[in-house]
Each structure stands twice: as C-alpha cells, then as structure tokens.
Amino acid sequence: MKFLAIDTSSKRLVVIAKGETAVVRDLPDCNMQHSVRLMGEIDAAMKEASLTLADCDLLACVVGPGSFTGIRIGIATAKGLAVAASKPVLALTSFDCVAYADKSGKKLCMIDAGHGCFYACPYNGTERAGEARYMSGAEAEELISQGYAPVSGEELSVGSKVLSLSEGMLAAAEALSQGAGPCSALEAVYLRRSNAEEGR
C-alpha cells in the first residue's frame, strides 16, 4: 500500500509519504503556517520516499475535529491532489490517529479544544465505544473516572498519556485503507461551532 497522508488539524503539521518505506515529516509548531508550509513538506516527503502521486493507491487526510481553518486547508489540498491524480481519498479523524497510536485498552481519545474544553471520543482498542463530543473538563473527568484512560497527542490538563500522532496516522491509514472512496468522502468533522459563529 502506497499513499500520501496529511494532517493540518492542529498546530502540528504531519505529512507521511508511504512507498517502500514511510517518510514522516512531523513539524510540532506550525500554527497559522499550514497553508504556507504544506505543499513544500509534501514535495520534500514525496521526493525522499521516491514516490509520485501516480504511484499512490490513495491520499489520506485528517478531517478533524481540531482547528477549523487547518481542517479546511488539509481537505482542500487533498481533494485537489486527488482530482489531479485521479486517486481515491481516505478520511481519518483526529481520534483515529490517537487510537491507532496505542491500539490496546479502554481509552478516551482527546483533542485540546481550548478554554479548558476537549473534543473526545471513547474507544476500546481501535473501535469506538461511544459518541464523539465536545465536552468540558468536568465531563472529561467523569468519563475518566469510569475507567477510560485519557490519551492524546499532547499533554492535557487531565494528565493524558502522550502518544505519537504521526505513528497513529500511519497505522490508521494502513488499517482503514479499504474505506477509501471519492473526494466527497472528505467532509470536515466539527463538533462545535467556530469562535466566529459563537461570537455572533
């Protein structure tokens, strides 16, 4: 399985070019720079992997939840490349990347949503065990008290175990590749309204 996978849903920028081997470019602090740096990172990763779009079986993209603008940048880029190369696309959620970074156990996959709140979804191994929701810190603590170990790609106020999102994204893309389809499959996952909408 050969593919290009991108994640612009958080302050990180992750690009994976998977050919004979996987080339991972993981930039931890690209906040507000995704649109400037994404194409250069894709080009560098593809060259290092000796891979072209024509070689790829699919293009994968993280569709959220996370940064509203970042998600749109990733989806637009993936769709544009997929249309140009006539390739199927695979939508991955931010939760998939966390869950596949550590496939064992009962856990609460968490994404920082700011202001002490989180995007969170319970999992058993790599299978969803409940609904993905936008929740307060108190709501997250309640789920954690029920035996869901908090896991994330970054340190959170609830004391989460920090996992490698790039490793999770690679594993998720490989495991879920049969779900690839047309560009319409890339739809943003928003679990709340944007700050602009809430401020109206």
Protein backbone atom coordinates (compact mmCIF):
# COMPACT_ATOMS: atom_id res chain seq x y z
CA MET A 1 0.00 0.00 0.00
CA LYS A 2 1.46 3.33 -1.14
CA PHE A 3 -0.09 6.60 -0.07
CA LEU A 4 0.28 10.23 0.91
CA ALA A 5 -1.29 11.27 4.22
CA ILE A 6 -1.57 14.79 5.66
CA ASP A 7 -2.73 16.28 8.95
CA THR A 8 -3.26 20.02 9.36
CA SER A 9 -5.95 19.77 12.04
CA SER A 10 -3.83 21.10 14.92
CA LYS A 11 -0.78 23.27 15.48
CA ARG A 12 1.26 20.31 14.17
CA LEU A 13 1.84 19.64 10.51
CA VAL A 14 2.27 15.97 9.66
CA VAL A 15 2.99 14.63 6.17
CA ILE A 16 3.59 10.93 5.52
CA ALA A 17 4.72 9.54 2.17
CA LYS A 18 4.45 5.75 2.28
CA GLY A 19 6.24 3.93 -0.51
CA GLU A 20 8.62 1.04 0.05
CA THR A 21 9.33 2.75 3.36
CA ALA A 22 7.48 5.51 5.21
CA VAL A 23 8.86 9.04 5.28
CA VAL A 24 7.36 11.07 8.11
CA ARG A 25 7.68 14.83 8.34
CA ASP A 26 6.29 15.98 11.68
CA LEU A 27 6.58 19.69 12.46
CA PRO A 28 5.33 20.29 16.02
CA ASP A 29 4.61 24.02 15.81
CA CYS A 30 3.18 25.20 12.50
CA ASN A 31 0.26 27.12 13.96
CA MET A 32 -1.05 29.62 11.39
CA GLN A 33 1.52 28.41 8.81
CA HIS A 34 -0.12 25.31 7.35
CA SER A 35 -1.10 26.99 4.10
CA VAL A 36 2.45 28.30 3.64
CA ARG A 37 4.37 25.14 4.51
CA LEU A 38 2.13 22.23 3.49
CA MET A 39 3.00 21.93 -0.21
CA GLY A 40 6.73 22.23 0.45
CA GLU A 41 6.55 19.46 3.06
CA ILE A 42 4.53 17.24 0.71
CA ASP A 43 7.09 17.75 -2.05
CA ALA A 44 10.01 17.01 0.28
CA ALA A 45 8.41 13.88 1.73
CA MET A 46 7.45 12.51 -1.68
CA LYS A 47 10.96 13.06 -3.05
CA GLU A 48 12.57 11.43 -0.02
CA ALA A 49 10.26 8.42 -0.41
CA SER A 50 10.92 8.28 -4.19
CA LEU A 51 7.15 8.46 -4.63
CA THR A 52 4.88 10.28 -7.07
CA LEU A 53 1.14 10.86 -6.90
CA ALA A 54 0.76 8.41 -9.77
CA ASP A 55 2.38 5.72 -7.58
CA CYS A 56 -0.07 6.26 -4.72
CA ASP A 57 -3.00 3.95 -4.11
CA LEU A 58 -4.81 6.67 -2.14
CA LEU A 59 -4.49 10.03 -0.42
CA ALA A 60 -5.42 10.24 3.26
CA CYS A 61 -6.36 13.37 5.17
CA VAL A 62 -7.29 14.08 8.79
CA VAL A 63 -10.71 15.75 8.69
CA GLY A 64 -11.00 16.77 12.34
CA PRO A 65 -12.02 17.63 14.87
CA GLY A 66 -9.49 20.36 15.51
CA SER A 67 -8.60 23.73 14.03
CA PHE A 68 -11.41 24.96 11.77
CA THR A 69 -9.07 26.65 9.31
CA GLY A 70 -6.45 23.90 9.46
CA ILE A 71 -9.01 21.24 8.62
CA ARG A 72 -10.19 23.19 5.57
CA ILE A 73 -6.61 23.61 4.34
CA GLY A 74 -5.93 19.88 4.57
CA ILE A 75 -9.18 18.84 2.91
CA ALA A 76 -8.84 21.33 0.06
CA THR A 77 -5.25 20.22 -0.60
CA ALA A 78 -6.08 16.51 -0.50
CA LYS A 79 -9.07 16.95 -2.80
CA GLY A 80 -7.07 19.00 -5.28
CA LEU A 81 -4.27 16.45 -5.45
CA ALA A 82 -6.70 13.53 -5.64
CA VAL A 83 -8.65 15.06 -8.52
CA ALA A 84 -5.45 15.91 -10.40
CA ALA A 85 -4.11 12.38 -10.00
CA SER A 86 -7.48 10.54 -10.20
CA LYS A 87 -6.91 8.86 -6.85
CA PRO A 88 -9.35 7.80 -4.10
CA VAL A 89 -9.24 9.54 -0.74
CA LEU A 90 -9.41 8.30 2.83
CA ALA A 91 -10.87 10.40 5.63
CA LEU A 92 -9.20 9.89 9.00
CA THR A 93 -10.39 11.54 12.20
CA SER A 94 -8.11 13.03 14.80
CA PHE A 95 -9.44 10.32 17.13
CA ASP A 96 -8.35 7.58 14.69
CA CYS A 97 -4.78 8.89 14.84
CA VAL A 98 -4.80 8.81 18.65
CA ALA A 99 -6.49 5.40 18.88
CA TYR A 100 -4.12 3.71 16.41
CA ALA A 101 -1.06 5.16 18.17
CA ASP A 102 -1.83 2.76 21.04
CA LYS A 103 -4.22 0.02 19.95
CA SER A 104 -4.78 -1.50 23.37
CA GLY A 105 -7.21 -0.82 26.16
CA LYS A 106 -10.20 1.23 27.12
CA LYS A 107 -9.35 4.85 26.50
CA LEU A 108 -10.65 8.34 25.95
CA CYS A 109 -9.05 9.82 22.83
CA MET A 110 -8.77 13.56 23.42
CA ILE A 111 -8.00 16.67 21.40
CA ASP A 112 -7.48 20.06 23.06
CA ALA A 113 -10.34 22.39 22.10
CA GLY A 114 -9.09 25.35 24.13
CA HIS A 115 -10.55 27.16 27.14
CA GLY A 116 -10.36 24.02 29.27
CA CYS A 117 -12.56 22.02 26.90
CA PHE A 118 -11.89 18.99 24.72
CA TYR A 119 -13.01 17.03 21.70
CA ALA A 120 -13.19 13.47 22.98
CA CYS A 121 -14.33 10.01 21.99
CA PRO A 122 -14.19 6.75 23.99
CA TYR A 123 -12.50 3.75 22.36
CA ASN A 124 -11.87 0.12 23.14
CA GLY A 125 -8.65 -0.59 21.31
CA THR A 126 -9.25 0.85 17.82
CA GLU A 127 -13.06 0.54 17.98
CA ARG A 128 -15.26 3.42 19.00
CA ALA A 129 -17.06 2.78 22.25
CA GLY A 130 -19.30 5.84 22.26
CA GLU A 131 -20.14 9.16 20.70
CA ALA A 132 -17.55 11.79 19.80
CA ARG A 133 -18.35 15.01 21.64
CA TYR A 134 -17.17 18.49 22.53
CA MET A 135 -17.01 18.48 26.32
CA SER A 136 -15.91 20.45 29.34
CA GLY A 137 -13.04 19.37 31.54
CA ALA A 138 -15.53 18.20 34.16
CA GLU A 139 -17.31 15.99 31.62
CA ALA A 140 -13.99 14.51 30.53
CA GLU A 141 -13.04 13.83 34.15
CA GLU A 142 -16.34 11.98 34.62
CA LEU A 143 -15.56 9.62 31.73
CA ILE A 144 -12.02 9.14 33.01
CA SER A 145 -13.44 8.19 36.42
CA GLN A 146 -15.41 5.44 34.64
CA GLY A 147 -12.18 3.73 33.63
CA TYR A 148 -11.33 5.42 30.32
CA ALA A 149 -7.61 6.18 30.26
CA PRO A 150 -7.03 9.68 28.78
CA VAL A 151 -4.76 9.62 25.70
CA SER A 152 -3.77 12.40 23.33
CA GLY A 153 -1.04 13.67 21.04
CA GLU A 154 -0.12 16.36 23.57
CA GLU A 155 -0.07 16.97 27.30
CA LEU A 156 -3.50 17.95 28.60
CA SER A 157 -4.75 19.27 31.91
CA VAL A 158 -6.38 15.89 32.68
CA GLY A 159 -2.99 14.16 32.73
CA SER A 160 -3.28 12.30 29.44
CA LYS A 161 -0.76 9.78 28.15
CA VAL A 162 1.01 11.44 25.21
CA LEU A 163 1.15 9.33 22.04
CA SER A 164 2.78 9.81 18.64
CA LEU A 165 0.09 11.10 16.28
CA SER A 166 2.29 10.53 13.22
CA GLU A 167 2.70 6.85 14.14
CA GLY A 168 -1.04 6.65 14.77
CA MET A 169 -1.86 8.28 11.44
CA LEU A 170 0.41 5.85 9.57
CA ALA A 171 -1.16 2.85 11.32
CA ALA A 172 -4.70 4.17 10.82
CA ALA A 173 -4.17 4.83 7.10
CA GLU A 174 -2.85 1.32 6.60
CA ALA A 175 -5.61 -0.34 8.64
CA LEU A 176 -8.51 1.68 7.22
CA SER A 177 -7.38 1.87 3.59
CA GLN A 178 -10.33 -0.21 2.37
CA GLY A 179 -12.56 2.72 3.28
CA ALA A 180 -11.06 4.97 0.59
CA GLY A 181 -13.54 6.49 -1.83
CA PRO A 182 -14.38 9.56 -3.93
CA CYS A 183 -13.44 13.11 -2.93
CA SER A 184 -16.91 13.62 -1.46
CA ALA A 185 -15.76 11.29 1.34
CA LEU A 186 -13.62 14.11 2.73
CA GLU A 187 -16.04 16.03 4.93
CA ALA A 188 -14.91 18.16 7.85
CA VAL A 189 -15.72 16.86 11.34
CA TYR A 190 -16.75 19.82 13.51
CA LEU A 191 -18.13 19.04 16.96
CA ARG A 192 -18.95 22.66 17.78
CA ARG A 193 -19.48 25.97 16.07
CA SER A 194 -16.46 28.13 15.23
CA ASN A 195 -15.46 31.00 17.53
CA ALA A 196 -16.71 33.46 14.90
CA GLU A 197 -20.13 31.79 14.80
CA GLU A 198 -20.37 31.65 18.59
CA GLY A 199 -19.43 35.33 18.80
CA ARG A 200 -22.32 36.47 16.61
